[in-house]
Amino acid sequence: MPQTQGQFVLYTRDEFKNYLENTKFTRSINKIQNHHTYIPGYVHYFRDNPPQPFKWLNSMKSSHLQRGFSDIGQNLTTFPDGLIALCRSMDTTPAAIKGANTGAVAIEHLGWFDINQDQMTEEHKETIIFLNAVLCKRFSLLPNDQTILYHHWFDLNTGRRTNGSGSTKSCPGTNFFGGNTVEAANKNFIPLISQKITSFITSPDTQTPQPIATGTVTASKLNVRAGAGTNFAVVYSLSSGAKVTAYAEMNGWYKIDPTQSQWVSKQFIAQ
């Protein structure tokens, strides 16, 4: 089940896809904005063990309010461990890119993705591609550089699209999927979104990740949680001696289901 704190709702990828497919929206959506937070970055997020996504959502909202916004600016936020947060209603226009907010969904990806800064985790990478893809599919958008937007392409003062010239931010980062230019998006990012959409439509079962490890539960009772941390809800429990297969590793936790967000603490798995 999604976790809720105040206005914020925290989803796994599958949970968000289910929400998106089963919710009616009144606003016309015709583009998706991609941003990075810069601060907080990975060093801040992983300073807490386990990470505290709600802490950073409230921090971002507070920062935006101090800057004169009426609410947190973005509709959605993604996290290094693959989670997705709904921050403000999808039916509410974001406050994110001057000149390009009407009809947009704004996504903040927590991290600093300039060259020589945060190295994007595989879980985060998968969620970013997944989220752009499910939004395109839900709102019938063809992925291209008119529907998938980077903040860097818009002049901060005029709001005009300049494709990176003039007064701009590096957002979503000079190393975001190979760069923040229009050319980099068309070469490295947008094709991945198209491939993911195709996988939803034609062969969702062929995208199963490969195992990275196998092992045996050593604890008398091991909780399987909905995310990589003890703050996530318990889905079910495993008994001592149970065999598990890991498909991803994050912050000392193993993901033990190839398609669902089900995680166990690595320290209780003997290989």
C-alpha atoms as a PDB file:
ATOM      1  CA  MET A   1       0.000   0.000   0.000  1.00  0.00           C
ATOM      2  CA  PRO A   2       1.219   3.539  -0.733  1.00  0.00           C
ATOM      3  CA  GLN A   3       2.506   5.497   2.269  1.00  0.00           C
ATOM      4  CA  THR A   4       0.983   8.891   3.048  1.00  0.00           C
ATOM      5  CA  GLN A   5       2.198  11.816   5.116  1.00  0.00           C
ATOM      6  CA  GLY A   6       0.220  15.025   4.866  1.00  0.00           C
ATOM      7  CA  GLN A   7      -0.250  15.891   1.193  1.00  0.00           C
ATOM      8  CA  PHE A   8       2.518  13.527   0.060  1.00  0.00           C
ATOM      9  CA  VAL A   9       1.868   9.989  -1.186  1.00  0.00           C
ATOM     10  CA  LEU A  10       4.794   7.605  -1.684  1.00  0.00           C
ATOM     11  CA  TYR A  11       4.473   4.844  -4.289  1.00  0.00           C
ATOM     12  CA  THR A  12       6.462   1.978  -5.690  1.00  0.00           C
ATOM     13  CA  ARG A  13       6.562   1.918  -9.492  1.00  0.00           C
ATOM     14  CA  ASP A  14       3.743  -0.600  -9.752  1.00  0.00           C
ATOM     15  CA  GLU A  15       1.621   1.266  -7.217  1.00  0.00           C
ATOM     16  CA  PHE A  16       2.011   4.521  -9.114  1.00  0.00           C
ATOM     17  CA  LYS A  17       1.172   2.882 -12.425  1.00  0.00           C
ATOM     18  CA  ASN A  18      -1.998   1.496 -10.857  1.00  0.00           C
ATOM     19  CA  TYR A  19      -2.901   4.931  -9.464  1.00  0.00           C
ATOM     20  CA  LEU A  20      -2.314   6.589 -12.824  1.00  0.00           C
ATOM     21  CA  GLU A  21      -4.332   4.044 -14.785  1.00  0.00           C
ATOM     22  CA  ASN A  22      -7.285   4.186 -12.399  1.00  0.00           C
ATOM     23  CA  THR A  23      -7.579   7.932 -11.796  1.00  0.00           C
ATOM     24  CA  LYS A  24      -9.518  10.435 -13.877  1.00  0.00           C
ATOM     25  CA  PHE A  25      -7.856  13.808 -14.491  1.00  0.00           C
ATOM     26  CA  THR A  26      -9.505  17.060 -15.548  1.00  0.00           C
ATOM     27  CA  ARG A  27      -6.422  18.927 -16.778  1.00  0.00           C
ATOM     28  CA  SER A  28      -5.037  18.432 -20.274  1.00  0.00           C
ATOM     29  CA  ILE A  29      -1.441  17.122 -20.100  1.00  0.00           C
ATOM     30  CA  ASN A  30       0.796  17.608 -23.138  1.00  0.00           C
ATOM     31  CA  LYS A  31       4.356  17.637 -21.798  1.00  0.00           C
ATOM     32  CA  ILE A  32       6.591  16.215 -19.078  1.00  0.00           C
ATOM     33  CA  GLN A  33       9.305  18.265 -17.394  1.00  0.00           C
ATOM     34  CA  ASN A  34      12.443  16.612 -15.976  1.00  0.00           C
ATOM     35  CA  HIS A  35      14.423  18.379 -13.236  1.00  0.00           C
ATOM     36  CA  HIS A  36      17.068  17.460 -10.680  1.00  0.00           C
ATOM     37  CA  THR A  37      17.043  18.820  -7.147  1.00  0.00           C
ATOM     38  CA  TYR A  38      20.813  19.571  -6.936  1.00  0.00           C
ATOM     39  CA  ILE A  39      20.262  20.001  -3.180  1.00  0.00           C
ATOM     40  CA  PRO A  40      19.241  17.664  -1.618  1.00  0.00           C
ATOM     41  CA  GLY A  41      21.458  15.165  -3.394  1.00  0.00           C
ATOM     42  CA  TYR A  42      22.401  11.556  -2.807  1.00  0.00           C
ATOM     43  CA  VAL A  43      24.753  12.414   0.056  1.00  0.00           C
ATOM     44  CA  HIS A  44      21.863  13.989   1.939  1.00  0.00           C
ATOM     45  CA  TYR A  45      19.344  11.254   1.131  1.00  0.00           C
ATOM     46  CA  PHE A  46      21.581   8.372   2.184  1.00  0.00           C
ATOM     47  CA  ARG A  47      22.810  10.138   5.314  1.00  0.00           C
ATOM     48  CA  ASP A  48      19.738   8.691   7.034  1.00  0.00           C
ATOM     49  CA  ASN A  49      19.561   4.923   7.475  1.00  0.00           C
ATOM     50  CA  PRO A  50      16.983   4.103   6.347  1.00  0.00           C
ATOM     51  CA  PRO A  51      16.407   7.073   4.014  1.00  0.00           C
ATOM     52  CA  GLN A  52      13.540   9.422   4.876  1.00  0.00           C
ATOM     53  CA  PRO A  53      11.781  10.554   1.683  1.00  0.00           C
ATOM     54  CA  PHE A  54       9.042  12.449   3.536  1.00  0.00           C
ATOM     55  CA  LYS A  55      11.693  14.477   5.342  1.00  0.00           C
ATOM     56  CA  TRP A  56      13.029  15.777   2.037  1.00  0.00           C
ATOM     57  CA  LEU A  57       9.600  16.358   0.533  1.00  0.00           C
ATOM     58  CA  ASN A  58       8.688  18.564   3.485  1.00  0.00           C
ATOM     59  CA  SER A  59      12.060  20.299   3.223  1.00  0.00           C
ATOM     60  CA  MET A  60      11.499  21.055  -0.476  1.00  0.00           C
ATOM     61  CA  LYS A  61       8.008  22.368   0.238  1.00  0.00           C
ATOM     62  CA  SER A  62       9.350  24.628   2.995  1.00  0.00           C
ATOM     63  CA  SER A  63      12.033  25.962   0.655  1.00  0.00           C
ATOM     64  CA  HIS A  64       9.499  26.664  -2.079  1.00  0.00           C
ATOM     65  CA  LEU A  65       7.150  28.443   0.343  1.00  0.00           C
ATOM     66  CA  GLN A  66      10.034  30.624   1.538  1.00  0.00           C
ATOM     67  CA  ARG A  67      10.681  31.587  -2.088  1.00  0.00           C
ATOM     68  CA  GLY A  68       7.083  32.784  -2.443  1.00  0.00           C
ATOM     69  CA  PHE A  69       5.477  29.711  -4.021  1.00  0.00           C
ATOM     70  CA  SER A  70       1.964  28.768  -2.913  1.00  0.00           C
ATOM     71  CA  ASP A  71       2.989  25.100  -2.517  1.00  0.00           C
ATOM     72  CA  ILE A  72       5.753  22.699  -3.479  1.00  0.00           C
ATOM     73  CA  GLY A  73       6.506  23.370  -7.132  1.00  0.00           C
ATOM     74  CA  GLN A  74       6.587  19.893  -8.670  1.00  0.00           C
ATOM     75  CA  ASN A  75       3.824  17.353  -9.183  1.00  0.00           C
ATOM     76  CA  LEU A  76       6.101  14.344  -8.695  1.00  0.00           C
ATOM     77  CA  THR A  77       9.451  13.448  -7.131  1.00  0.00           C
ATOM     78  CA  THR A  78      11.617  10.376  -7.715  1.00  0.00           C
ATOM     79  CA  PHE A  79      14.163   8.977  -5.267  1.00  0.00           C
ATOM     80  CA  PRO A  80      17.470   7.065  -5.506  1.00  0.00           C
ATOM     81  CA  ASP A  81      15.839   3.868  -4.179  1.00  0.00           C
ATOM     82  CA  GLY A  82      13.257   3.912  -6.969  1.00  0.00           C
ATOM     83  CA  LEU A  83      10.264   5.361  -5.118  1.00  0.00           C
ATOM     84  CA  ILE A  84       7.868   7.936  -6.580  1.00  0.00           C
ATOM     85  CA  ALA A  85       6.098  10.665  -4.603  1.00  0.00           C
ATOM     86  CA  LEU A  86       2.938  12.493  -5.611  1.00  0.00           C
ATOM     87  CA  CYS A  87       3.595  16.003  -4.275  1.00  0.00           C
ATOM     88  CA  ARG A  88       0.727  18.115  -5.566  1.00  0.00           C
ATOM     89  CA  SER A  89      -2.361  17.175  -7.523  1.00  0.00           C
ATOM     90  CA  MET A  90      -1.782  16.076 -11.095  1.00  0.00           C
ATOM     91  CA  ASP A  91      -4.670  18.392 -11.932  1.00  0.00           C
ATOM     92  CA  THR A  92      -2.673  21.368 -10.609  1.00  0.00           C
ATOM     93  CA  THR A  93      -0.335  23.254 -12.946  1.00  0.00           C
ATOM     94  CA  PRO A  94       3.238  23.073 -11.580  1.00  0.00           C
ATOM     95  CA  ALA A  95       5.527  26.007 -10.810  1.00  0.00           C
ATOM     96  CA  ALA A  96       8.677  24.649 -12.407  1.00  0.00           C
ATOM     97  CA  ILE A  97       9.703  26.094 -15.816  1.00  0.00           C
ATOM     98  CA  LYS A  98       8.807  29.688 -16.650  1.00  0.00           C
ATOM     99  CA  GLY A  99       7.017  29.666 -19.977  1.00  0.00           C
ATOM    100  CA  ALA A 100       6.370  25.912 -20.044  1.00  0.00           C
ATOM    101  CA  ASN A 101       4.145  25.079 -17.076  1.00  0.00           C
ATOM    102  CA  THR A 102       0.735  25.069 -18.775  1.00  0.00           C
ATOM    103  CA  GLY A 103      -0.162  21.494 -19.682  1.00  0.00           C
ATOM    104  CA  ALA A 104       2.944  20.141 -17.956  1.00  0.00           C
ATOM    105  CA  VAL A 105       3.667  17.533 -15.328  1.00  0.00           C
ATOM    106  CA  ALA A 106       6.819  18.521 -13.434  1.00  0.00           C
ATOM    107  CA  ILE A 107       9.111  15.780 -12.062  1.00  0.00           C
ATOM    108  CA  GLU A 108      11.954  16.490  -9.643  1.00  0.00           C
ATOM    109  CA  HIS A 109      14.554  13.715  -9.541  1.00  0.00           C
ATOM    110  CA  LEU A 110      16.320  13.845  -6.184  1.00  0.00           C
ATOM    111  CA  GLY A 111      20.023  14.093  -6.955  1.00  0.00           C
ATOM    112  CA  TRP A 112      22.773  16.246  -8.427  1.00  0.00           C
ATOM    113  CA  PHE A 113      23.318  14.901 -11.929  1.00  0.00           C
ATOM    114  CA  ASP A 114      25.984  17.260 -13.215  1.00  0.00           C
ATOM    115  CA  ILE A 115      29.277  15.736 -14.365  1.00  0.00           C
ATOM    116  CA  ASN A 116      31.442  14.456 -11.445  1.00  0.00           C
ATOM    117  CA  GLN A 117      28.530  14.619  -8.996  1.00  0.00           C
ATOM    118  CA  ASP A 118      25.943  11.927  -8.081  1.00  0.00           C
ATOM    119  CA  GLN A 119      26.198   8.616  -9.916  1.00  0.00           C
ATOM    120  CA  MET A 120      22.597   7.637 -10.621  1.00  0.00           C
ATOM    121  CA  THR A 121      21.585   4.304  -9.080  1.00  0.00           C
ATOM    122  CA  GLU A 122      20.105   1.606 -11.305  1.00  0.00           C
ATOM    123  CA  GLU A 123      16.839   1.726  -9.344  1.00  0.00           C
ATOM    124  CA  HIS A 124      16.611   5.467  -9.844  1.00  0.00           C
ATOM    125  CA  LYS A 125      17.410   5.167 -13.528  1.00  0.00           C
ATOM    126  CA  GLU A 126      14.688   2.561 -13.986  1.00  0.00           C
ATOM    127  CA  THR A 127      12.132   4.679 -12.135  1.00  0.00           C
ATOM    128  CA  ILE A 128      12.911   7.822 -14.158  1.00  0.00           C
ATOM    129  CA  ILE A 129      12.466   5.967 -17.453  1.00  0.00           C
ATOM    130  CA  PHE A 130       9.399   4.134 -16.139  1.00  0.00           C
ATOM    131  CA  LEU A 131       7.727   7.305 -14.852  1.00  0.00           C
ATOM    132  CA  ASN A 132       8.194   9.231 -18.094  1.00  0.00           C
ATOM    133  CA  ALA A 133       6.890   6.207 -20.006  1.00  0.00           C
ATOM    134  CA  VAL A 134       3.747   5.636 -17.929  1.00  0.00           C
ATOM    135  CA  LEU A 135       2.914   9.339 -18.113  1.00  0.00           C
ATOM    136  CA  CYS A 136       3.328   9.298 -21.899  1.00  0.00           C
ATOM    137  CA  LYS A 137       1.140   6.216 -22.156  1.00  0.00           C
ATOM    138  CA  ARG A 138      -1.543   7.549 -19.808  1.00  0.00           C
ATOM    139  CA  PHE A 139      -1.824  10.927 -21.568  1.00  0.00           C
ATOM    140  CA  SER A 140      -1.262   9.605 -25.112  1.00  0.00           C
ATOM    141  CA  LEU A 141       1.996  11.503 -25.665  1.00  0.00           C
ATOM    142  CA  LEU A 142       4.519  10.516 -28.308  1.00  0.00           C
ATOM    143  CA  PRO A 143       7.971  10.744 -26.660  1.00  0.00           C
ATOM    144  CA  ASN A 144      10.006  13.439 -28.407  1.00  0.00           C
ATOM    145  CA  ASP A 145      11.787  16.683 -27.528  1.00  0.00           C
ATOM    146  CA  GLN A 146       8.481  18.570 -27.578  1.00  0.00           C
ATOM    147  CA  THR A 147       6.751  16.350 -25.028  1.00  0.00           C
ATOM    148  CA  ILE A 148       9.804  15.435 -22.895  1.00  0.00           C
ATOM    149  CA  LEU A 149      11.404  18.668 -21.645  1.00  0.00           C
ATOM    150  CA  TYR A 150      14.547  19.616 -19.728  1.00  0.00           C
ATOM    151  CA  HIS A 151      14.714  22.827 -17.658  1.00  0.00           C
ATOM    152  CA  HIS A 152      18.048  23.669 -19.328  1.00  0.00           C
ATOM    153  CA  TRP A 153      16.264  24.357 -22.620  1.00  0.00           C
ATOM    154  CA  PHE A 154      14.405  27.430 -21.318  1.00  0.00           C
ATOM    155  CA  ASP A 155      15.735  30.910 -20.565  1.00  0.00           C
ATOM    156  CA  LEU A 156      15.180  31.709 -16.900  1.00  0.00           C
ATOM    157  CA  ASN A 157      14.377  35.375 -17.527  1.00  0.00           C
ATOM    158  CA  THR A 158      12.183  35.288 -20.610  1.00  0.00           C
ATOM    159  CA  GLY A 159      10.688  31.803 -20.374  1.00  0.00           C
ATOM    160  CA  ARG A 160      11.452  31.291 -24.056  1.00  0.00           C
ATOM    161  CA  ARG A 161      12.814  27.991 -25.274  1.00  0.00           C
ATOM    162  CA  THR A 162      16.440  28.562 -26.345  1.00  0.00           C
ATOM    163  CA  ASN A 163      17.651  24.932 -26.236  1.00  0.00           C
ATOM    164  CA  GLY A 164      20.369  25.850 -23.749  1.00  0.00           C
ATOM    165  CA  SER A 165      21.546  29.315 -24.747  1.00  0.00           C
ATOM    166  CA  GLY A 166      21.050  32.462 -22.695  1.00  0.00           C
ATOM    167  CA  SER A 167      20.420  32.439 -18.942  1.00  0.00           C
ATOM    168  CA  THR A 168      19.764  28.797 -18.037  1.00  0.00           C
ATOM    169  CA  LYS A 169      20.225  26.171 -15.339  1.00  0.00           C
ATOM    170  CA  SER A 170      22.103  22.926 -15.997  1.00  0.00           C
ATOM    171  CA  CYS A 171      18.972  21.091 -14.728  1.00  0.00           C
ATOM    172  CA  PRO A 172      18.382  18.107 -14.986  1.00  0.00           C
ATOM    173  CA  GLY A 173      22.163  17.843 -15.057  1.00  0.00           C
ATOM    174  CA  THR A 174      25.071  17.832 -17.493  1.00  0.00           C
ATOM    175  CA  ASN A 175      25.366  14.061 -16.939  1.00  0.00           C
ATOM    176  CA  PHE A 176      21.627  13.239 -16.917  1.00  0.00           C
ATOM    177  CA  PHE A 177      21.427  10.228 -19.244  1.00  0.00           C
ATOM    178  CA  GLY A 178      24.505  11.461 -21.071  1.00  0.00           C
ATOM    179  CA  GLY A 179      23.819  15.173 -21.020  1.00  0.00           C
ATOM    180  CA  ASN A 180      21.260  17.957 -20.751  1.00  0.00           C
ATOM    181  CA  THR A 181      21.157  19.034 -24.396  1.00  0.00           C
ATOM    182  CA  VAL A 182      18.343  18.383 -26.860  1.00  0.00           C
ATOM    183  CA  GLU A 183      20.730  16.127 -28.784  1.00  0.00           C
ATOM    184  CA  ALA A 184      21.559  14.105 -25.670  1.00  0.00           C
ATOM    185  CA  ALA A 185      17.870  13.676 -24.834  1.00  0.00           C
ATOM    186  CA  ASN A 186      17.087  12.461 -28.345  1.00  0.00           C
ATOM    187  CA  LYS A 187      20.035  10.081 -28.362  1.00  0.00           C
ATOM    188  CA  ASN A 188      20.162   8.721 -24.816  1.00  0.00           C
ATOM    189  CA  PHE A 189      16.888   9.311 -22.962  1.00  0.00           C
ATOM    190  CA  ILE A 190      13.859   9.497 -25.229  1.00  0.00           C
ATOM    191  CA  PRO A 191      14.607   6.143 -26.942  1.00  0.00           C
ATOM    192  CA  LEU A 192      14.610   4.457 -23.524  1.00  0.00           C
ATOM    193  CA  ILE A 193      11.175   5.912 -22.810  1.00  0.00           C
ATOM    194  CA  SER A 194       9.888   4.643 -26.154  1.00  0.00           C
ATOM    195  CA  GLN A 195      11.284   1.172 -25.456  1.00  0.00           C
ATOM    196  CA  LYS A 196       9.617   1.116 -22.040  1.00  0.00           C
ATOM    197  CA  ILE A 197       6.242   2.090 -23.514  1.00  0.00           C
ATOM    198  CA  THR A 198       6.589  -0.720 -26.040  1.00  0.00           C
ATOM    199  CA  SER A 199       7.308  -3.156 -23.216  1.00  0.00           C
ATOM    200  CA  PHE A 200       4.048  -2.137 -21.504  1.00  0.00           C
ATOM    201  CA  ILE A 201       2.042  -2.785 -24.644  1.00  0.00           C
ATOM    202  CA  THR A 202       3.641  -5.831 -26.244  1.00  0.00           C
ATOM    203  CA  SER A 203       5.645  -7.982 -23.877  1.00  0.00           C
ATOM    204  CA  PRO A 204       5.663  -6.910 -20.245  1.00  0.00           C
ATOM    205  CA  ASP A 205       6.710 -10.388 -19.138  1.00  0.00           C
ATOM    206  CA  THR A 206       9.907 -10.378 -21.177  1.00  0.00           C
ATOM    207  CA  GLN A 207      11.465  -7.544 -19.173  1.00  0.00           C
ATOM    208  CA  THR A 208      12.249  -9.621 -16.078  1.00  0.00           C
ATOM    209  CA  PRO A 209      15.646  -8.642 -14.625  1.00  0.00           C
ATOM    210  CA  GLN A 210      18.367 -11.230 -14.138  1.00  0.00           C
ATOM    211  CA  PRO A 211      19.198 -12.473 -10.599  1.00  0.00           C
ATOM    212  CA  ILE A 212      22.289 -11.006  -8.962  1.00  0.00           C
ATOM    213  CA  ALA A 213      22.483 -13.403  -5.983  1.00  0.00           C
ATOM    214  CA  THR A 214      20.783 -16.295  -4.213  1.00  0.00           C
ATOM    215  CA  GLY A 215      20.764 -17.154  -0.535  1.00  0.00           C
ATOM    216  CA  THR A 216      19.054 -18.552   2.536  1.00  0.00           C
ATOM    217  CA  VAL A 217      17.245 -16.685   5.314  1.00  0.00           C
ATOM    218  CA  THR A 218      19.180 -16.893   8.609  1.00  0.00           C
ATOM    219  CA  ALA A 219      16.703 -15.020  10.837  1.00  0.00           C
ATOM    220  CA  SER A 220      13.935 -16.940  12.603  1.00  0.00           C
ATOM    221  CA  LYS A 221      11.483 -14.543  10.951  1.00  0.00           C
ATOM    222  CA  LEU A 222      12.450 -12.099   8.210  1.00  0.00           C
ATOM    223  CA  ASN A 223      10.092  -9.315   7.186  1.00  0.00           C
ATOM    224  CA  VAL A 224       9.681  -8.625   3.470  1.00  0.00           C
ATOM    225  CA  ARG A 225       9.061  -4.898   3.071  1.00  0.00           C
ATOM    226  CA  ALA A 226       7.650  -2.695   0.316  1.00  0.00           C
ATOM    227  CA  GLY A 227      10.908  -0.759   0.059  1.00  0.00           C
ATOM    228  CA  ALA A 228      14.579  -0.847   1.010  1.00  0.00           C
ATOM    229  CA  GLY A 229      14.284   0.167   4.664  1.00  0.00           C
ATOM    230  CA  THR A 230      12.572  -0.609   7.964  1.00  0.00           C
ATOM    231  CA  ASN A 231      10.275   2.399   7.498  1.00  0.00           C
ATOM    232  CA  PHE A 232       8.435   0.593   4.696  1.00  0.00           C
ATOM    233  CA  ALA A 233       5.357  -1.545   5.271  1.00  0.00           C
ATOM    234  CA  VAL A 234       5.737  -5.289   5.871  1.00  0.00           C
ATOM    235  CA  VAL A 235       4.322  -7.242   2.924  1.00  0.00           C
ATOM    236  CA  TYR A 236       4.816 -10.718   4.410  1.00  0.00           C
ATOM    237  CA  SER A 237       7.454 -12.683   6.345  1.00  0.00           C
ATOM    238  CA  LEU A 238       9.907 -15.485   5.535  1.00  0.00           C
ATOM    239  CA  SER A 239      10.958 -18.260   7.894  1.00  0.00           C
ATOM    240  CA  SER A 240      14.482 -19.400   8.663  1.00  0.00           C
ATOM    241  CA  GLY A 241      15.926 -21.495   5.844  1.00  0.00           C
ATOM    242  CA  ALA A 242      13.746 -20.007   3.128  1.00  0.00           C
ATOM    243  CA  LYS A 243      15.493 -19.658  -0.225  1.00  0.00           C
ATOM    244  CA  VAL A 244      15.551 -16.220  -1.850  1.00  0.00           C
ATOM    245  CA  THR A 245      16.731 -14.799  -5.143  1.00  0.00           C
ATOM    246  CA  ALA A 246      17.943 -11.196  -5.309  1.00  0.00           C
ATOM    247  CA  TYR A 247      17.347  -9.058  -8.406  1.00  0.00           C
ATOM    248  CA  ALA A 248      18.768  -5.759  -7.127  1.00  0.00           C
ATOM    249  CA  GLU A 249      20.693  -4.403  -4.152  1.00  0.00           C
ATOM    250  CA  MET A 250      20.214  -1.035  -2.487  1.00  0.00           C
ATOM    251  CA  ASN A 251      21.689   0.346   0.729  1.00  0.00           C
ATOM    252  CA  GLY A 252      22.143  -3.097   2.333  1.00  0.00           C
ATOM    253  CA  TRP A 253      18.825  -4.510   1.099  1.00  0.00           C
ATOM    254  CA  TYR A 254      17.957  -7.104  -1.538  1.00  0.00           C
ATOM    255  CA  LYS A 255      14.996  -6.866  -3.906  1.00  0.00           C
ATOM    256  CA  ILE A 256      13.635 -10.426  -3.999  1.00  0.00           C
ATOM    257  CA  ASP A 257      10.841 -10.147  -6.565  1.00  0.00           C
ATOM    258  CA  PRO A 258      11.612  -9.354 -10.224  1.00  0.00           C
ATOM    259  CA  THR A 259       8.514  -7.210 -10.791  1.00  0.00           C
ATOM    260  CA  GLN A 260       7.161  -6.184  -7.361  1.00  0.00           C
ATOM    261  CA  SER A 261       8.827  -3.914  -4.794  1.00  0.00           C
ATOM    262  CA  GLN A 262       9.641  -6.556  -2.167  1.00  0.00           C
ATOM    263  CA  TRP A 263      12.841  -6.132  -0.148  1.00  0.00           C
ATOM    264  CA  VAL A 264      14.697  -7.930   2.650  1.00  0.00           C
ATOM    265  CA  SER A 265      17.700  -6.917   4.718  1.00  0.00           C
ATOM    266  CA  LYS A 266      20.858  -8.379   3.169  1.00  0.00           C
ATOM    267  CA  GLN A 267      22.417  -9.042   6.574  1.00  0.00           C
ATOM    268  CA  PHE A 268      19.954 -11.877   7.199  1.00  0.00           C
ATOM    269  CA  ILE A 269      20.726 -13.674   3.921  1.00  0.00           C
ATOM    270  CA  ALA A 270      23.535 -16.247   3.785  1.00  0.00           C
ATOM    271  CA  GLN A 271      24.921 -17.004   0.361  1.00  0.00           C
END
